[in-house]
């Protein structure tokens, strides 16, 4: 999966916006103004920082060489997923959806957002 494919997939999810809040080397994806993904454009290896519940984060890191903890978010459940390592595109999309769902689950129920596959 390349940068543009990752960007397009994040934007295909309901009510997602993107911005450059830190600098012009990171794209942030938000739903209802809550961040669920950060796409680094500056790294030697392009990666997405994704939110993940702790148990799933461990599973993700154990299964793929493409995932490392993203300690810069100061929370263990953020993970860097490297787009060009040994992870298939459908798996990357699955984890993007998981990160999106983690944010959606904490939104007030009045939004009625459902997750697209």
PDB file of N, CA and C in Angstrom:
ATOM      1  N   UNK A   1       0.858  -1.180   0.000  1.00  0.00           N
ATOM      2  CA  UNK A   1       0.000   0.000   0.000  1.00  0.00           C
ATOM      3  C   UNK A   1       0.898   1.234   0.000  1.00  0.00           C
ATOM      4  N   UNK A   2       0.601   2.186  -0.869  1.00  0.00           N
ATOM      5  CA  UNK A   2       1.415   3.399  -0.902  1.00  0.00           C
ATOM      6  C   UNK A   2       0.722   4.544  -0.160  1.00  0.00           C
ATOM      7  N   UNK A   3       1.368   5.698  -0.113  1.00  0.00           N
ATOM      8  CA  UNK A   3       0.850   6.850   0.636  1.00  0.00           C
ATOM      9  C   UNK A   3      -0.537   7.264   0.136  1.00  0.00           C
ATOM     10  N   UNK A   4      -0.674   7.414  -1.165  1.00  0.00           N
ATOM     11  CA  UNK A   4      -1.944   7.893  -1.716  1.00  0.00           C
ATOM     12  C   UNK A   4      -3.072   6.901  -1.465  1.00  0.00           C
ATOM     13  N   UNK A   5      -2.792   5.608  -1.564  1.00  0.00           N
ATOM     14  CA  UNK A   5      -3.817   4.602  -1.286  1.00  0.00           C
ATOM     15  C   UNK A   5      -4.248   4.655   0.178  1.00  0.00           C
ATOM     16  N   UNK A   6      -3.284   4.817   1.082  1.00  0.00           N
ATOM     17  CA  UNK A   6      -3.611   4.928   2.513  1.00  0.00           C
ATOM     18  C   UNK A   6      -4.437   6.182   2.770  1.00  0.00           C
ATOM     19  N   UNK A   7      -4.042   7.284   2.159  1.00  0.00           N
ATOM     20  CA  UNK A   7      -4.768   8.543   2.318  1.00  0.00           C
ATOM     21  C   UNK A   7      -6.200   8.405   1.805  1.00  0.00           C
ATOM     22  N   UNK A   8      -6.354   7.867   0.602  1.00  0.00           N
ATOM     23  CA  UNK A   8      -7.685   7.709   0.014  1.00  0.00           C
ATOM     24  C   UNK A   8      -8.566   6.785   0.856  1.00  0.00           C
ATOM     25  N   UNK A   9      -7.978   5.737   1.403  1.00  0.00           N
ATOM     26  CA  UNK A   9      -8.778   4.820   2.210  1.00  0.00           C
ATOM     27  C   UNK A   9      -9.255   5.503   3.496  1.00  0.00           C
ATOM     28  N   UNK A  10      -8.352   6.216   4.163  1.00  0.00           N
ATOM     29  CA  UNK A  10      -8.760   6.941   5.381  1.00  0.00           C
ATOM     30  C   UNK A  10      -9.887   7.917   5.065  1.00  0.00           C
ATOM     31  N   UNK A  11      -9.761   8.643   3.958  1.00  0.00           N
ATOM     32  CA  UNK A  11     -10.776   9.629   3.590  1.00  0.00           C
ATOM     33  C   UNK A  11     -12.086   8.991   3.127  1.00  0.00           C
ATOM     34  N   UNK A  12     -12.053   7.711   2.765  1.00  0.00           N
ATOM     35  CA  UNK A  12     -13.277   7.039   2.335  1.00  0.00           C
ATOM     36  C   UNK A  12     -14.185   6.692   3.517  1.00  0.00           C
ATOM     37  N   UNK A  13     -13.656   6.726   4.723  1.00  0.00           N
ATOM     38  CA  UNK A  13     -14.462   6.436   5.908  1.00  0.00           C
ATOM     39  C   UNK A  13     -15.368   7.633   6.208  1.00  0.00           C
ATOM     40  N   UNK A  14     -16.517   7.348   6.765  1.00  0.00           N
ATOM     41  CA  UNK A  14     -17.544   8.365   6.983  1.00  0.00           C
ATOM     42  C   UNK A  14     -17.066   9.511   7.875  1.00  0.00           C
ATOM     43  N   UNK A  15     -17.274  10.739   7.394  1.00  0.00           N
ATOM     44  CA  UNK A  15     -17.063  11.952   8.181  1.00  0.00           C
ATOM     45  C   UNK A  15     -15.598  12.208   8.548  1.00  0.00           C
ATOM     46  N   UNK A  16     -14.671  11.740   7.738  1.00  0.00           N
ATOM     47  CA  UNK A  16     -13.246  11.915   8.025  1.00  0.00           C
ATOM     48  C   UNK A  16     -12.714  13.164   7.332  1.00  0.00           C
ATOM     49  N   UNK A  17     -11.889  13.894   8.070  1.00  0.00           N
ATOM     50  CA  UNK A  17     -11.198  15.062   7.521  1.00  0.00           C
ATOM     51  C   UNK A  17      -9.706  14.861   7.696  1.00  0.00           C
ATOM     52  N   UNK A  18      -8.933  15.619   6.919  1.00  0.00           N
ATOM     53  CA  UNK A  18      -7.476  15.550   7.054  1.00  0.00           C
ATOM     54  C   UNK A  18      -6.919  16.955   7.244  1.00  0.00           C
ATOM     55  N   UNK A  19      -5.753  17.023   7.880  1.00  0.00           N
ATOM     56  CA  UNK A  19      -5.108  18.319   8.085  1.00  0.00           C
ATOM     57  C   UNK A  19      -3.611  18.117   8.284  1.00  0.00           C
ATOM     58  N   UNK A  20      -2.881  19.222   8.276  1.00  0.00           N
ATOM     59  CA  UNK A  20      -1.441  19.253   8.558  1.00  0.00           C
ATOM     60  C   UNK A  20      -1.242  20.038   9.855  1.00  0.00           C
ATOM     61  N   UNK A  21      -1.577  19.481  11.015  1.00  0.00           N
ATOM     62  CA  UNK A  21      -1.546  20.284  12.242  1.00  0.00           C
ATOM     63  C   UNK A  21      -0.153  20.543  12.807  1.00  0.00           C
ATOM     64  N   UNK A  22       0.798  19.657  12.533  1.00  0.00           N
ATOM     65  CA  UNK A  22       2.124  19.799  13.136  1.00  0.00           C
ATOM     66  C   UNK A  22       3.081  20.498  12.182  1.00  0.00           C
ATOM     67  N   UNK A  23       3.142  20.003  10.981  1.00  0.00           N
ATOM     68  CA  UNK A  23       4.027  20.519   9.940  1.00  0.00           C
ATOM     69  C   UNK A  23       3.527  19.955   8.624  1.00  0.00           C
ATOM     70  N   UNK A  24       4.264  20.173   7.558  1.00  0.00           N
ATOM     71  CA  UNK A  24       3.781  19.660   6.275  1.00  0.00           C
ATOM     72  C   UNK A  24       4.301  18.252   5.983  1.00  0.00           C
ATOM     73  N   UNK A  25       4.777  17.556   7.001  1.00  0.00           N
ATOM     74  CA  UNK A  25       5.297  16.207   6.827  1.00  0.00           C
ATOM     75  C   UNK A  25       4.416  15.146   7.479  1.00  0.00           C
ATOM     76  N   UNK A  26       3.310  15.545   8.044  1.00  0.00           N
ATOM     77  CA  UNK A  26       2.386  14.606   8.681  1.00  0.00           C
ATOM     78  C   UNK A  26       0.961  14.980   8.328  1.00  0.00           C
ATOM     79  N   UNK A  27       0.216  14.018   7.833  1.00  0.00           N
ATOM     80  CA  UNK A  27      -1.207  14.201   7.587  1.00  0.00           C
ATOM     81  C   UNK A  27      -1.965  13.565   8.746  1.00  0.00           C
ATOM     82  N   UNK A  28      -2.874  14.294   9.327  1.00  0.00           N
ATOM     83  CA  UNK A  28      -3.676  13.763  10.418  1.00  0.00           C
ATOM     84  C   UNK A  28      -5.097  13.545   9.920  1.00  0.00           C
ATOM     85  N   UNK A  29      -5.647  12.388  10.256  1.00  0.00           N
ATOM     86  CA  UNK A  29      -7.019  12.051   9.882  1.00  0.00           C
ATOM     87  C   UNK A  29      -7.870  12.031  11.141  1.00  0.00           C
ATOM     88  N   UNK A  30      -9.000  12.736  11.065  1.00  0.00           N
ATOM     89  CA  UNK A  30      -9.881  12.855  12.230  1.00  0.00           C
ATOM     90  C   UNK A  30     -11.307  12.518  11.832  1.00  0.00           C
ATOM     91  N   UNK A  31     -12.043  12.039  12.834  1.00  0.00           N
ATOM     92  CA  UNK A  31     -13.483  11.875  12.704  1.00  0.00           C
ATOM     93  C   UNK A  31     -14.091  12.622  13.883  1.00  0.00           C
ATOM     94  N   UNK A  32     -15.038  13.515  13.586  1.00  0.00           N
ATOM     95  CA  UNK A  32     -15.632  14.371  14.628  1.00  0.00           C
ATOM     96  C   UNK A  32     -14.547  15.072  15.450  1.00  0.00           C
ATOM     97  N   UNK A  33     -13.512  15.524  14.767  1.00  0.00           N
ATOM     98  CA  UNK A  33     -12.402  16.269  15.367  1.00  0.00           C
ATOM     99  C   UNK A  33     -11.542  15.453  16.326  1.00  0.00           C
ATOM    100  N   UNK A  34     -11.639  14.122  16.281  1.00  0.00           N
ATOM    101  CA  UNK A  34     -10.810  13.232  17.097  1.00  0.00           C
ATOM    102  C   UNK A  34      -9.871  12.450  16.183  1.00  0.00           C
ATOM    103  N   UNK A  35      -8.587  12.491  16.453  1.00  0.00           N
ATOM    104  CA  UNK A  35      -7.614  11.849  15.597  1.00  0.00           C
ATOM    105  C   UNK A  35      -7.682  10.330  15.704  1.00  0.00           C
ATOM    106  N   UNK A  36      -7.680   9.648  14.536  1.00  0.00           N
ATOM    107  CA  UNK A  36      -7.610   8.191  14.534  1.00  0.00           C
ATOM    108  C   UNK A  36      -6.410   7.676  13.739  1.00  0.00           C
ATOM    109  N   UNK A  37      -5.764   8.554  12.951  1.00  0.00           N
ATOM    110  CA  UNK A  37      -4.592   8.123  12.177  1.00  0.00           C
ATOM    111  C   UNK A  37      -3.708   9.305  11.849  1.00  0.00           C
ATOM    112  N   UNK A  38      -2.414   9.040  11.813  1.00  0.00           N
ATOM    113  CA  UNK A  38      -1.431  10.024  11.388  1.00  0.00           C
ATOM    114  C   UNK A  38      -0.566   9.358  10.328  1.00  0.00           C
ATOM    115  N   UNK A  39      -0.481   9.969   9.165  1.00  0.00           N
ATOM    116  CA  UNK A  39       0.329   9.441   8.066  1.00  0.00           C
ATOM    117  C   UNK A  39       1.596  10.268   7.972  1.00  0.00           C
ATOM    118  N   UNK A  40       2.725   9.626   8.251  1.00  0.00           N
ATOM    119  CA  UNK A  40       4.015  10.312   8.203  1.00  0.00           C
ATOM    120  C   UNK A  40       4.521  10.345   6.769  1.00  0.00           C
ATOM    121  N   UNK A  41       4.815  11.535   6.277  1.00  0.00           N
ATOM    122  CA  UNK A  41       5.305  11.712   4.914  1.00  0.00           C
ATOM    123  C   UNK A  41       6.814  11.928   4.884  1.00  0.00           C
ATOM    124  N   UNK A  42       7.439  11.985   6.049  1.00  0.00           N
ATOM    125  CA  UNK A  42       8.836  12.376   6.166  1.00  0.00           C
ATOM    126  C   UNK A  42       9.778  11.210   6.467  1.00  0.00           C
ATOM    127  N   UNK A  43       9.245  10.107   6.889  1.00  0.00           N
ATOM    128  CA  UNK A  43      10.084   9.000   7.354  1.00  0.00           C
ATOM    129  C   UNK A  43      10.765   8.274   6.194  1.00  0.00           C
ATOM    130  N   UNK A  44      11.856   7.597   6.510  1.00  0.00           N
ATOM    131  CA  UNK A  44      12.510   6.747   5.508  1.00  0.00           C
ATOM    132  C   UNK A  44      11.546   5.650   5.076  1.00  0.00           C
ATOM    133  N   UNK A  45      10.791   5.140   6.039  1.00  0.00           N
ATOM    134  CA  UNK A  45       9.747   4.158   5.748  1.00  0.00           C
ATOM    135  C   UNK A  45       8.408   4.794   6.066  1.00  0.00           C
ATOM    136  N   UNK A  46       7.564   4.901   5.050  1.00  0.00           N
ATOM    137  CA  UNK A  46       6.259   5.539   5.227  1.00  0.00           C
ATOM    138  C   UNK A  46       5.411   4.694   6.174  1.00  0.00           C
ATOM    139  N   UNK A  47       4.787   5.355   7.151  1.00  0.00           N
ATOM    140  CA  UNK A  47       3.962   4.616   8.096  1.00  0.00           C
ATOM    141  C   UNK A  47       2.763   5.430   8.556  1.00  0.00           C
ATOM    142  N   UNK A  48       1.792   4.702   9.066  1.00  0.00           N
ATOM    143  CA  UNK A  48       0.604   5.262   9.691  1.00  0.00           C
ATOM    144  C   UNK A  48       0.688   4.994  11.180  1.00  0.00           C
ATOM    145  N   UNK A  49       0.395   5.977  11.997  1.00  0.00           N
ATOM    146  CA  UNK A  49       0.208   5.744  13.423  1.00  0.00           C
ATOM    147  C   UNK A  49      -1.285   5.508  13.610  1.00  0.00           C
ATOM    148  N   UNK A  50      -1.623   4.352  14.200  1.00  0.00           N
ATOM    149  CA  UNK A  50      -3.017   3.953  14.371  1.00  0.00           C
ATOM    150  C   UNK A  50      -3.311   3.628  15.821  1.00  0.00           C
ATOM    151  N   UNK A  51      -4.526   3.892  16.233  1.00  0.00           N
ATOM    152  CA  UNK A  51      -4.974   3.610  17.582  1.00  0.00           C
ATOM    153  C   UNK A  51      -5.454   2.170  17.662  1.00  0.00           C
ATOM    154  N   UNK A  52      -5.171   1.512  18.779  1.00  0.00           N
ATOM    155  CA  UNK A  52      -5.539   0.109  18.912  1.00  0.00           C
ATOM    156  C   UNK A  52      -5.701  -0.210  20.388  1.00  0.00           C
ATOM    157  N   UNK A  53      -6.720  -1.017  20.738  1.00  0.00           N
ATOM    158  CA  UNK A  53      -6.855  -1.392  22.139  1.00  0.00           C
ATOM    159  C   UNK A  53      -5.650  -2.271  22.518  1.00  0.00           C
ATOM    160  N   UNK A  54      -5.252  -2.302  23.792  1.00  0.00           N
ATOM    161  CA  UNK A  54      -4.010  -2.975  24.192  1.00  0.00           C
ATOM    162  C   UNK A  54      -3.879  -4.432  23.768  1.00  0.00           C
ATOM    163  N   UNK A  55      -4.929  -5.226  23.884  1.00  0.00           N
ATOM    164  CA  UNK A  55      -4.841  -6.640  23.506  1.00  0.00           C
ATOM    165  C   UNK A  55      -4.622  -6.788  22.003  1.00  0.00           C
ATOM    166  N   UNK A  56      -5.354  -6.020  21.216  1.00  0.00           N
ATOM    167  CA  UNK A  56      -5.195  -6.076  19.766  1.00  0.00           C
ATOM    168  C   UNK A  56      -3.830  -5.541  19.349  1.00  0.00           C
ATOM    169  N   UNK A  57      -3.325  -4.551  20.063  1.00  0.00           N
ATOM    170  CA  UNK A  57      -2.001  -4.002  19.740  1.00  0.00           C
ATOM    171  C   UNK A  57      -0.926  -5.067  19.885  1.00  0.00           C
ATOM    172  N   UNK A  58      -1.000  -5.856  20.956  1.00  0.00           N
ATOM    173  CA  UNK A  58      -0.029  -6.936  21.150  1.00  0.00           C
ATOM    174  C   UNK A  58      -0.132  -7.968  20.033  1.00  0.00           C
ATOM    175  N   UNK A  59      -1.355  -8.326  19.677  1.00  0.00           N
ATOM    176  CA  UNK A  59      -1.569  -9.286  18.592  1.00  0.00           C
ATOM    177  C   UNK A  59      -0.977  -8.750  17.288  1.00  0.00           C
ATOM    178  N   UNK A  60      -1.234  -7.490  17.016  1.00  0.00           N
ATOM    179  CA  UNK A  60      -0.743  -6.857  15.799  1.00  0.00           C
ATOM    180  C   UNK A  60       0.785  -6.869  15.750  1.00  0.00           C
ATOM    181  N   UNK A  61       1.420  -6.513  16.853  1.00  0.00           N
ATOM    182  CA  UNK A  61       2.888  -6.472  16.884  1.00  0.00           C
ATOM    183  C   UNK A  61       3.496  -7.863  16.781  1.00  0.00           C
ATOM    184  N   UNK A  62       2.849  -8.865  17.371  1.00  0.00           N
ATOM    185  CA  UNK A  62       3.367 -10.233  17.310  1.00  0.00           C
ATOM    186  C   UNK A  62       3.240 -10.830  15.909  1.00  0.00           C
ATOM    187  N   UNK A  63       2.179 -10.473  15.196  1.00  0.00           N
ATOM    188  CA  UNK A  63       1.922 -11.072  13.879  1.00  0.00           C
ATOM    189  C   UNK A  63       2.716 -10.429  12.754  1.00  0.00           C
ATOM    190  N   UNK A  64       3.080  -9.167  12.896  1.00  0.00           N
ATOM    191  CA  UNK A  64       3.686  -8.462  11.769  1.00  0.00           C
ATOM    192  C   UNK A  64       4.969  -7.746  12.159  1.00  0.00           C
ATOM    193  N   UNK A  65       5.956  -7.879  11.304  1.00  0.00           N
ATOM    194  CA  UNK A  65       7.184  -7.118  11.430  1.00  0.00           C
ATOM    195  C   UNK A  65       6.926  -5.656  11.055  1.00  0.00           C
ATOM    196  N   UNK A  66       5.748  -5.377  10.537  1.00  0.00           N
ATOM    197  CA  UNK A  66       5.403  -4.058  10.031  1.00  0.00           C
ATOM    198  C   UNK A  66       4.851  -3.123  11.109  1.00  0.00           C
ATOM    199  N   UNK A  67       4.854  -3.562  12.370  1.00  0.00           N
ATOM    200  CA  UNK A  67       4.216  -2.767  13.420  1.00  0.00           C
ATOM    201  C   UNK A  67       5.157  -2.566  14.608  1.00  0.00           C
ATOM    202  N   UNK A  68       5.227  -1.321  15.088  1.00  0.00           N
ATOM    203  CA  UNK A  68       6.018  -0.991  16.270  1.00  0.00           C
ATOM    204  C   UNK A  68       5.204  -0.052  17.150  1.00  0.00           C
ATOM    205  N   UNK A  69       5.452  -0.071  18.467  1.00  0.00           N
ATOM    206  CA  UNK A  69       4.741   0.874  19.330  1.00  0.00           C
ATOM    207  C   UNK A  69       5.078   2.310  18.939  1.00  0.00           C
ATOM    208  N   UNK A  70       4.111   3.180  18.979  1.00  0.00           N
ATOM    209  CA  UNK A  70       4.320   4.596  18.656  1.00  0.00           C
ATOM    210  C   UNK A  70       4.406   5.379  19.963  1.00  0.00           C
ATOM    211  N   UNK A  71       5.528   5.316  20.588  1.00  0.00           N
ATOM    212  CA  UNK A  71       5.680   5.918  21.920  1.00  0.00           C
ATOM    213  C   UNK A  71       5.559   7.431  21.907  1.00  0.00           C
ATOM    214  N   UNK A  72       5.706   8.056  20.762  1.00  0.00           N
ATOM    215  CA  UNK A  72       5.594   9.515  20.702  1.00  0.00           C
ATOM    216  C   UNK A  72       4.183   9.994  21.049  1.00  0.00           C
ATOM    217  N   UNK A  73       3.201   9.093  21.067  1.00  0.00           N
ATOM    218  CA  UNK A  73       1.860   9.469  21.496  1.00  0.00           C
ATOM    219  C   UNK A  73       1.663   9.238  22.994  1.00  0.00           C
ATOM    220  N   UNK A  74       2.703   8.735  23.667  1.00  0.00           N
ATOM    221  CA  UNK A  74       2.675   8.518  25.115  1.00  0.00           C
ATOM    222  C   UNK A  74       1.599   7.546  25.564  1.00  0.00           C
ATOM    223  N   UNK A  75       1.133   6.716  24.660  1.00  0.00           N
ATOM    224  CA  UNK A  75       0.138   5.716  25.015  1.00  0.00           C
ATOM    225  C   UNK A  75       0.461   4.448  24.256  1.00  0.00           C
ATOM    226  N   UNK A  76       0.460   3.328  24.950  1.00  0.00           N
ATOM    227  CA  UNK A  76       0.859   2.062  24.340  1.00  0.00           C
ATOM    228  C   UNK A  76      -0.056   1.630  23.211  1.00  0.00           C
ATOM    229  N   UNK A  77      -1.280   2.121  23.188  1.00  0.00           N
ATOM    230  CA  UNK A  77      -2.198   1.614  22.186  1.00  0.00           C
ATOM    231  C   UNK A  77      -2.141   2.380  20.860  1.00  0.00           C
ATOM    232  N   UNK A  78      -1.170   3.253  20.681  1.00  0.00           N
ATOM    233  CA  UNK A  78      -0.882   3.810  19.361  1.00  0.00           C
ATOM    234  C   UNK A  78       0.267   2.995  18.789  1.00  0.00           C
ATOM    235  N   UNK A  79       0.170   2.638  17.511  1.00  0.00           N
ATOM    236  CA  UNK A  79       1.172   1.800  16.858  1.00  0.00           C
ATOM    237  C   UNK A  79       1.513   2.365  15.486  1.00  0.00           C
ATOM    238  N   UNK A  80       2.789   2.287  15.131  1.00  0.00           N
ATOM    239  CA  UNK A  80       3.221   2.663  13.788  1.00  0.00           C
ATOM    240  C   UNK A  80       3.117   1.437  12.897  1.00  0.00           C
ATOM    241  N   UNK A  81       2.347   1.541  11.826  1.00  0.00           N
ATOM    242  CA  UNK A  81       2.187   0.458  10.862  1.00  0.00           C
ATOM    243  C   UNK A  81       2.908   0.886   9.586  1.00  0.00           C
ATOM    244  N   UNK A  82       3.983   0.169   9.251  1.00  0.00           N
ATOM    245  CA  UNK A  82       4.805   0.508   8.091  1.00  0.00           C
ATOM    246  C   UNK A  82       4.174  -0.064   6.833  1.00  0.00           C
ATOM    247  N   UNK A  83       3.894   0.804   5.879  1.00  0.00           N
ATOM    248  CA  UNK A  83       3.080   0.435   4.721  1.00  0.00           C
ATOM    249  C   UNK A  83       3.762  -0.513   3.747  1.00  0.00           C
ATOM    250  N   UNK A  84       5.084  -0.492   3.694  1.00  0.00           N
ATOM    251  CA  UNK A  84       5.761  -1.293   2.678  1.00  0.00           C
ATOM    252  C   UNK A  84       6.479  -2.505   3.252  1.00  0.00           C
ATOM    253  N   UNK A  85       6.158  -2.877   4.470  1.00  0.00           N
ATOM    254  CA  UNK A  85       6.736  -4.091   5.037  1.00  0.00           C
ATOM    255  C   UNK A  85       5.805  -5.269   4.789  1.00  0.00           C
ATOM    256  N   UNK A  86       5.910  -6.310   5.619  1.00  0.00           N
ATOM    257  CA  UNK A  86       5.227  -7.586   5.329  1.00  0.00           C
ATOM    258  C   UNK A  86       3.759  -7.660   5.734  1.00  0.00           C
ATOM    259  N   UNK A  87       3.017  -6.616   5.479  1.00  0.00           N
ATOM    260  CA  UNK A  87       1.597  -6.600   5.810  1.00  0.00           C
ATOM    261  C   UNK A  87       0.802  -6.358   4.535  1.00  0.00           C
ATOM    262  N   UNK A  88      -0.206  -7.188   4.296  1.00  0.00           N
ATOM    263  CA  UNK A  88      -1.021  -7.056   3.090  1.00  0.00           C
ATOM    264  C   UNK A  88      -1.944  -5.847   3.189  1.00  0.00           C
ATOM    265  N   UNK A  89      -2.327  -5.334   2.029  1.00  0.00           N
ATOM    266  CA  UNK A  89      -3.184  -4.150   1.963  1.00  0.00           C
ATOM    267  C   UNK A  89      -4.493  -4.339   2.724  1.00  0.00           C
ATOM    268  N   UNK A  90      -5.116  -5.514   2.597  1.00  0.00           N
ATOM    269  CA  UNK A  90      -6.387  -5.732   3.299  1.00  0.00           C
ATOM    270  C   UNK A  90      -6.207  -5.736   4.811  1.00  0.00           C
ATOM    271  N   UNK A  91      -5.049  -6.180   5.299  1.00  0.00           N
ATOM    272  CA  UNK A  91      -4.765  -6.142   6.737  1.00  0.00           C
ATOM    273  C   UNK A  91      -4.551  -4.705   7.210  1.00  0.00           C
ATOM    274  N   UNK A  92      -3.854  -3.904   6.408  1.00  0.00           N
ATOM    275  CA  UNK A  92      -3.656  -2.491   6.766  1.00  0.00           C
ATOM    276  C   UNK A  92      -5.010  -1.793   6.840  1.00  0.00           C
ATOM    277  N   UNK A  93      -5.869  -2.056   5.870  1.00  0.00           N
ATOM    278  CA  UNK A  93      -7.214  -1.463   5.878  1.00  0.00           C
ATOM    279  C   UNK A  93      -7.998  -1.906   7.108  1.00  0.00           C
ATOM    280  N   UNK A  94      -7.857  -3.171   7.474  1.00  0.00           N
ATOM    281  CA  UNK A  94      -8.539  -3.691   8.672  1.00  0.00           C
ATOM    282  C   UNK A  94      -8.112  -2.906   9.914  1.00  0.00           C
ATOM    283  N   UNK A  95      -6.821  -2.626  10.041  1.00  0.00           N
ATOM    284  CA  UNK A  95      -6.327  -1.914  11.222  1.00  0.00           C
ATOM    285  C   UNK A  95      -6.667  -0.431  11.173  1.00  0.00           C
ATOM    286  N   UNK A  96      -6.776   0.142   9.976  1.00  0.00           N
ATOM    287  CA  UNK A  96      -7.260   1.523   9.863  1.00  0.00           C
ATOM    288  C   UNK A  96      -8.705   1.576  10.363  1.00  0.00           C
ATOM    289  N   UNK A  97      -9.526   0.611   9.918  1.00  0.00           N
ATOM    290  CA  UNK A  97     -10.928   0.559  10.379  1.00  0.00           C
ATOM    291  C   UNK A  97     -11.004   0.361  11.894  1.00  0.00           C
ATOM    292  N   UNK A  98     -10.107  -0.480  12.425  1.00  0.00           N
ATOM    293  CA  UNK A  98     -10.097  -0.710  13.875  1.00  0.00           C
ATOM    294  C   UNK A  98      -9.794   0.595  14.617  1.00  0.00           C
ATOM    295  N   UNK A  99      -8.804   1.340  14.138  1.00  0.00           N
ATOM    296  CA  UNK A  99      -8.449   2.611  14.764  1.00  0.00           C
ATOM    297  C   UNK A  99      -9.616   3.593  14.697  1.00  0.00           C
ATOM    298  N   UNK A 100     -10.250   3.656  13.540  1.00  0.00           N
ATOM    299  CA  UNK A 100     -11.427   4.494  13.341  1.00  0.00           C
ATOM    300  C   UNK A 100     -12.528   4.101  14.330  1.00  0.00           C
ATOM    301  N   UNK A 101     -12.755   2.794  14.459  1.00  0.00           N
ATOM    302  CA  UNK A 101     -13.794   2.293  15.369  1.00  0.00           C
ATOM    303  C   UNK A 101     -13.490   2.633  16.825  1.00  0.00           C
ATOM    304  N   UNK A 102     -12.205   2.645  17.203  1.00  0.00           N
ATOM    305  CA  UNK A 102     -11.829   2.996  18.568  1.00  0.00           C
ATOM    306  C   UNK A 102     -12.267   4.421  18.898  1.00  0.00           C
ATOM    307  N   UNK A 103     -12.143   5.312  17.932  1.00  0.00           N
ATOM    308  CA  UNK A 103     -12.561   6.700  18.131  1.00  0.00           C
ATOM    309  C   UNK A 103     -14.076   6.813  18.093  1.00  0.00           C
ATOM    310  N   UNK A 104     -14.705   6.169  17.120  1.00  0.00           N
ATOM    311  CA  UNK A 104     -16.167   6.208  16.992  1.00  0.00           C
ATOM    312  C   UNK A 104     -16.847   5.712  18.270  1.00  0.00           C
ATOM    313  N   UNK A 105     -16.300   4.667  18.871  1.00  0.00           N
ATOM    314  CA  UNK A 105     -16.905   4.076  20.069  1.00  0.00           C
ATOM    315  C   UNK A 105     -16.984   5.067  21.233  1.00  0.00           C
ATOM    316  N   UNK A 106     -16.118   6.063  21.220  1.00  0.00           N
ATOM    317  CA  UNK A 106     -16.107   7.033  22.320  1.00  0.00           C
ATOM    318  C   UNK A 106     -16.897   8.298  22.022  1.00  0.00           C
ATOM    319  N   UNK A 107     -17.464   8.386  20.821  1.00  0.00           N
ATOM    320  CA  UNK A 107     -18.274   9.553  20.472  1.00  0.00           C
ATOM    321  C   UNK A 107     -19.675   9.413  21.053  1.00  0.00           C
ATOM    322  N   UNK A 108     -20.328  10.530  21.287  1.00  0.00           N
ATOM    323  CA  UNK A 108     -21.730  10.444  21.740  1.00  0.00           C
ATOM    324  C   UNK A 108     -22.570   9.672  20.727  1.00  0.00           C
ATOM    325  N   UNK A 109     -23.474   8.868  21.201  1.00  0.00           N
ATOM    326  CA  UNK A 109     -24.276   7.993  20.343  1.00  0.00           C
ATOM    327  C   UNK A 109     -25.165   8.757  19.364  1.00  0.00           C
ATOM    328  N   UNK A 110     -25.394  10.030  19.615  1.00  0.00           N
ATOM    329  CA  UNK A 110     -26.282  10.808  18.751  1.00  0.00           C
ATOM    330  C   UNK A 110     -25.764  10.933  17.320  1.00  0.00           C
ATOM    331  N   UNK A 111     -24.450  10.713  17.103  1.00  0.00           N
ATOM    332  CA  UNK A 111     -23.897  10.856  15.769  1.00  0.00           C
ATOM    333  C   UNK A 111     -24.359   9.750  14.842  1.00  0.00           C
ATOM    334  N   UNK A 112     -24.650   8.567  15.358  1.00  0.00           N
ATOM    335  CA  UNK A 112     -25.160   7.462  14.547  1.00  0.00           C
ATOM    336  C   UNK A 112     -24.226   7.052  13.421  1.00  0.00           C
ATOM    337  N   UNK A 113     -22.941   7.094  13.661  1.00  0.00           N
ATOM    338  CA  UNK A 113     -21.963   6.741  12.619  1.00  0.00           C
ATOM    339  C   UNK A 113     -21.798   5.246  12.585  1.00  0.00           C
ATOM    340  N   UNK A 114     -21.817   4.682  11.381  1.00  0.00           N
ATOM    341  CA  UNK A 114     -21.522   3.265  11.241  1.00  0.00           C
ATOM    342  C   UNK A 114     -20.274   3.121  10.376  1.00  0.00           C
ATOM    343  N   UNK A 115     -19.562   2.041  10.584  1.00  0.00           N
ATOM    344  CA  UNK A 115     -18.278   1.849   9.930  1.00  0.00           C
ATOM    345  C   UNK A 115     -18.449   1.089   8.623  1.00  0.00           C
ATOM    346  N   UNK A 116     -17.909   1.670   7.548  1.00  0.00           N
ATOM    347  CA  UNK A 116     -17.935   1.019   6.241  1.00  0.00           C
ATOM    348  C   UNK A 116     -16.841  -0.030   6.193  1.00  0.00           C
ATOM    349  N   UNK A 117     -17.065  -1.116   5.477  1.00  0.00           N
ATOM    350  CA  UNK A 117     -16.062  -2.170   5.311  1.00  0.00           C
ATOM    351  C   UNK A 117     -15.111  -1.822   4.208  1.00  0.00           C
TER     352      UNK A 117
END
